[in-house]
Amino acid sequence: MTEQPIFDDFRGDDAHLVRSIKALINLNDAGALVPHGVGGHGRSLLAASAVRLANRQEAKCVERCERLHPQCKLSVTRSIAPSDRWFWSVVMPDGHCFTASKSFPSLAEAVVDMVGKGTEELTRADEIWRRTHPNG
């Protein structure tokens, strides 16, 4: 399994990325993609789009969560060991980890899970913090 890039290396803007992906889908439908050459480039385009969209989704989710729940923090992080895994966690204001997800093989999968389950856990952590720390 190849390591998932943190940042994509596609040099075009989002509109160019979408046009390239649509062209690859058309080539694939025509049976023109093979494992090397354009097919290999297609896989790198899809990997770049997954990373780019996951990064945007994570940023929107974290921004919304910080606005709604200013006390606790929700973040997605790459595992230290093994370094090819990702997880999300909710951290209390005092630095203690309230909860952490299972690990995921890609940033995109961790972000998708974080948007659903992570925001629920953040809400729960924030309610507990406010109830047990009424002055801050």
C-alpha atoms as a PDB file:
ATOM      1  CA  MET A   1       0.000   0.000   0.000  1.00  0.00           C
ATOM      2  CA  THR A   2       1.379   3.417  -0.937  1.00  0.00           C
ATOM      3  CA  GLU A   3       1.511   6.168   1.654  1.00  0.00           C
ATOM      4  CA  GLN A   4      -1.298   8.729   1.406  1.00  0.00           C
ATOM      5  CA  PRO A   5       0.061  12.243   0.773  1.00  0.00           C
ATOM      6  CA  ILE A   6      -0.823  14.957   3.277  1.00  0.00           C
ATOM      7  CA  PHE A   7      -0.886  17.579   0.535  1.00  0.00           C
ATOM      8  CA  ASP A   8      -1.768  16.894  -3.074  1.00  0.00           C
ATOM      9  CA  ASP A   9       0.796  17.598  -5.793  1.00  0.00           C
ATOM     10  CA  PHE A  10      -1.687  18.523  -8.526  1.00  0.00           C
ATOM     11  CA  ARG A  11      -0.672  21.915  -9.873  1.00  0.00           C
ATOM     12  CA  GLY A  12      -4.030  23.024 -11.275  1.00  0.00           C
ATOM     13  CA  ASP A  13      -6.940  24.728  -9.566  1.00  0.00           C
ATOM     14  CA  ASP A  14     -10.090  22.869  -8.481  1.00  0.00           C
ATOM     15  CA  ALA A  15     -11.883  23.470 -11.804  1.00  0.00           C
ATOM     16  CA  HIS A  16      -8.936  21.943 -13.694  1.00  0.00           C
ATOM     17  CA  LEU A  17      -8.863  19.016 -11.271  1.00  0.00           C
ATOM     18  CA  VAL A  18     -12.582  18.345 -11.856  1.00  0.00           C
ATOM     19  CA  ARG A  19     -12.168  18.564 -15.663  1.00  0.00           C
ATOM     20  CA  SER A  20      -9.237  16.154 -15.490  1.00  0.00           C
ATOM     21  CA  ILE A  21     -11.181  13.670 -13.394  1.00  0.00           C
ATOM     22  CA  LYS A  22     -14.162  13.812 -15.793  1.00  0.00           C
ATOM     23  CA  ALA A  23     -11.821  13.218 -18.740  1.00  0.00           C
ATOM     24  CA  LEU A  24     -10.332  10.210 -16.928  1.00  0.00           C
ATOM     25  CA  ILE A  25     -13.800   8.823 -16.241  1.00  0.00           C
ATOM     26  CA  ASN A  26     -14.611   9.131 -19.956  1.00  0.00           C
ATOM     27  CA  LEU A  27     -11.344   7.396 -20.891  1.00  0.00           C
ATOM     28  CA  ASN A  28     -12.067   4.642 -18.390  1.00  0.00           C
ATOM     29  CA  ASP A  29     -15.595   4.190 -19.770  1.00  0.00           C
ATOM     30  CA  ALA A  30     -14.055   3.818 -23.235  1.00  0.00           C
ATOM     31  CA  GLY A  31     -11.677   1.135 -21.908  1.00  0.00           C
ATOM     32  CA  ALA A  32      -8.604   3.243 -22.641  1.00  0.00           C
ATOM     33  CA  LEU A  33      -7.029   3.263 -19.170  1.00  0.00           C
ATOM     34  CA  VAL A  34      -4.334   0.732 -18.380  1.00  0.00           C
ATOM     35  CA  PRO A  35      -2.406   0.317 -15.112  1.00  0.00           C
ATOM     36  CA  HIS A  36       0.528   2.465 -16.324  1.00  0.00           C
ATOM     37  CA  GLY A  37       0.793   5.747 -18.229  1.00  0.00           C
ATOM     38  CA  VAL A  38      -2.454   7.709 -18.235  1.00  0.00           C
ATOM     39  CA  GLY A  39      -4.035   5.172 -15.881  1.00  0.00           C
ATOM     40  CA  GLY A  40      -1.253   5.741 -13.359  1.00  0.00           C
ATOM     41  CA  HIS A  41      -1.651   9.496 -13.726  1.00  0.00           C
ATOM     42  CA  GLY A  42      -5.391   9.030 -13.167  1.00  0.00           C
ATOM     43  CA  ARG A  43      -4.751   7.366  -9.838  1.00  0.00           C
ATOM     44  CA  SER A  44      -2.543  10.283  -8.757  1.00  0.00           C
ATOM     45  CA  LEU A  45      -5.286  12.746  -9.807  1.00  0.00           C
ATOM     46  CA  LEU A  46      -7.854  10.849  -7.766  1.00  0.00           C
ATOM     47  CA  ALA A  47      -5.507  10.713  -4.770  1.00  0.00           C
ATOM     48  CA  ALA A  48      -4.891  14.466  -5.078  1.00  0.00           C
ATOM     49  CA  SER A  49      -8.608  15.204  -5.259  1.00  0.00           C
ATOM     50  CA  ALA A  50      -9.343  13.020  -2.238  1.00  0.00           C
ATOM     51  CA  VAL A  51      -6.689  14.798  -0.161  1.00  0.00           C
ATOM     52  CA  ARG A  52      -7.704  18.276  -1.337  1.00  0.00           C
ATOM     53  CA  LEU A  53     -11.395  17.706  -0.631  1.00  0.00           C
ATOM     54  CA  ALA A  54     -10.701  16.021   2.714  1.00  0.00           C
ATOM     55  CA  ASN A  55      -8.550  18.967   3.806  1.00  0.00           C
ATOM     56  CA  ARG A  56     -11.347  21.387   2.901  1.00  0.00           C
ATOM     57  CA  GLN A  57     -13.991  19.293   4.643  1.00  0.00           C
ATOM     58  CA  GLU A  58     -11.833  19.042   7.764  1.00  0.00           C
ATOM     59  CA  ALA A  59     -11.271  22.798   7.837  1.00  0.00           C
ATOM     60  CA  LYS A  60     -14.994  23.543   7.508  1.00  0.00           C
ATOM     61  CA  CYS A  61     -15.895  21.002  10.198  1.00  0.00           C
ATOM     62  CA  VAL A  62     -13.256  22.263  12.635  1.00  0.00           C
ATOM     63  CA  GLU A  63     -14.223  25.912  12.027  1.00  0.00           C
ATOM     64  CA  ARG A  64     -17.909  25.163  12.651  1.00  0.00           C
ATOM     65  CA  CYS A  65     -17.115  23.102  15.747  1.00  0.00           C
ATOM     66  CA  GLU A  66     -14.879  25.814  17.204  1.00  0.00           C
ATOM     67  CA  ARG A  67     -17.647  28.349  16.712  1.00  0.00           C
ATOM     68  CA  LEU A  68     -20.312  26.141  18.340  1.00  0.00           C
ATOM     69  CA  HIS A  69     -18.096  24.578  21.017  1.00  0.00           C
ATOM     70  CA  PRO A  70     -15.342  27.027  21.956  1.00  0.00           C
ATOM     71  CA  GLN A  71     -14.238  25.060  25.032  1.00  0.00           C
ATOM     72  CA  CYS A  72     -13.273  21.685  23.543  1.00  0.00           C
ATOM     73  CA  LYS A  73     -11.294  20.967  20.370  1.00  0.00           C
ATOM     74  CA  LEU A  74     -11.829  18.452  17.575  1.00  0.00           C
ATOM     75  CA  SER A  75      -8.928  17.582  15.301  1.00  0.00           C
ATOM     76  CA  VAL A  76      -7.731  14.944  12.867  1.00  0.00           C
ATOM     77  CA  THR A  77      -4.147  13.744  13.215  1.00  0.00           C
ATOM     78  CA  ARG A  78      -1.716  11.411  11.513  1.00  0.00           C
ATOM     79  CA  SER A  79      -0.570   8.543  13.710  1.00  0.00           C
ATOM     80  CA  ILE A  80       3.064   8.571  14.849  1.00  0.00           C
ATOM     81  CA  ALA A  81       3.448   4.815  14.563  1.00  0.00           C
ATOM     82  CA  PRO A  82       2.404   3.444  12.210  1.00  0.00           C
ATOM     83  CA  SER A  83       2.635   6.675  10.236  1.00  0.00           C
ATOM     84  CA  ASP A  84       0.195   5.603   7.533  1.00  0.00           C
ATOM     85  CA  ARG A  85      -2.855   5.770   9.815  1.00  0.00           C
ATOM     86  CA  TRP A  86      -5.162   8.689  10.721  1.00  0.00           C
ATOM     87  CA  PHE A  87      -7.521   9.333  13.633  1.00  0.00           C
ATOM     88  CA  TRP A  88      -9.607  12.140  15.103  1.00  0.00           C
ATOM     89  CA  SER A  89      -9.839  13.129  18.737  1.00  0.00           C
ATOM     90  CA  VAL A  90     -11.724  15.460  21.057  1.00  0.00           C
ATOM     91  CA  VAL A  91      -9.580  17.267  23.631  1.00  0.00           C
ATOM     92  CA  MET A  92     -10.880  19.015  26.747  1.00  0.00           C
ATOM     93  CA  PRO A  93      -9.683  22.562  27.604  1.00  0.00           C
ATOM     94  CA  ASP A  94      -7.349  21.169  30.283  1.00  0.00           C
ATOM     95  CA  GLY A  95      -5.550  19.071  27.647  1.00  0.00           C
ATOM     96  CA  HIS A  96      -7.055  15.688  28.485  1.00  0.00           C
ATOM     97  CA  CYS A  97      -8.245  13.573  25.582  1.00  0.00           C
ATOM     98  CA  PHE A  98     -11.989  13.068  25.925  1.00  0.00           C
ATOM     99  CA  THR A  99     -12.229  10.488  23.164  1.00  0.00           C
ATOM    100  CA  ALA A 100     -10.381   9.296  20.086  1.00  0.00           C
ATOM    101  CA  SER A 101     -11.533   7.401  17.040  1.00  0.00           C
ATOM    102  CA  LYS A 102     -10.256   4.142  15.697  1.00  0.00           C
ATOM    103  CA  SER A 103      -7.472   4.608  13.156  1.00  0.00           C
ATOM    104  CA  PHE A 104      -8.183   4.961   9.441  1.00  0.00           C
ATOM    105  CA  PRO A 105      -5.995   4.173   6.410  1.00  0.00           C
ATOM    106  CA  SER A 106      -6.557   7.598   4.838  1.00  0.00           C
ATOM    107  CA  LEU A 107      -7.100  11.204   5.811  1.00  0.00           C
ATOM    108  CA  ALA A 108     -10.323  11.269   3.791  1.00  0.00           C
ATOM    109  CA  GLU A 109     -11.832   8.354   5.747  1.00  0.00           C
ATOM    110  CA  ALA A 110     -10.854   9.910   9.082  1.00  0.00           C
ATOM    111  CA  VAL A 111     -12.428  13.231   8.086  1.00  0.00           C
ATOM    112  CA  VAL A 112     -15.683  11.592   6.974  1.00  0.00           C
ATOM    113  CA  ASP A 113     -15.931   9.786  10.312  1.00  0.00           C
ATOM    114  CA  MET A 114     -14.945  12.959  12.200  1.00  0.00           C
ATOM    115  CA  VAL A 115     -17.705  14.988  10.548  1.00  0.00           C
ATOM    116  CA  GLY A 116     -20.312  12.542  11.852  1.00  0.00           C
ATOM    117  CA  LYS A 117     -19.179  10.835  15.044  1.00  0.00           C
ATOM    118  CA  GLY A 118     -16.556  13.422  15.957  1.00  0.00           C
ATOM    119  CA  THR A 119     -19.006  16.301  16.077  1.00  0.00           C
ATOM    120  CA  GLU A 120     -21.354  14.221  18.249  1.00  0.00           C
ATOM    121  CA  GLU A 121     -18.506  13.482  20.669  1.00  0.00           C
ATOM    122  CA  LEU A 122     -17.457  17.140  20.655  1.00  0.00           C
ATOM    123  CA  THR A 123     -20.980  18.189  21.620  1.00  0.00           C
ATOM    124  CA  ARG A 124     -21.006  15.624  24.436  1.00  0.00           C
ATOM    125  CA  ALA A 125     -17.571  16.720  25.694  1.00  0.00           C
ATOM    126  CA  ASP A 126     -18.548  20.380  25.580  1.00  0.00           C
ATOM    127  CA  GLU A 127     -21.745  19.712  27.564  1.00  0.00           C
ATOM    128  CA  ILE A 128     -19.815  17.752  30.209  1.00  0.00           C
ATOM    129  CA  TRP A 129     -17.160  20.475  30.470  1.00  0.00           C
ATOM    130  CA  ARG A 130     -19.738  23.238  30.874  1.00  0.00           C
ATOM    131  CA  ARG A 131     -21.634  21.230  33.482  1.00  0.00           C
ATOM    132  CA  THR A 132     -18.527  20.375  35.532  1.00  0.00           C
ATOM    133  CA  HIS A 133     -16.780  23.755  35.068  1.00  0.00           C
ATOM    134  CA  PRO A 134     -19.538  26.376  35.283  1.00  0.00           C
ATOM    135  CA  ASN A 135     -17.079  29.287  35.522  1.00  0.00           C
ATOM    136  CA  GLY A 136     -14.967  28.468  32.523  1.00  0.00           C
END
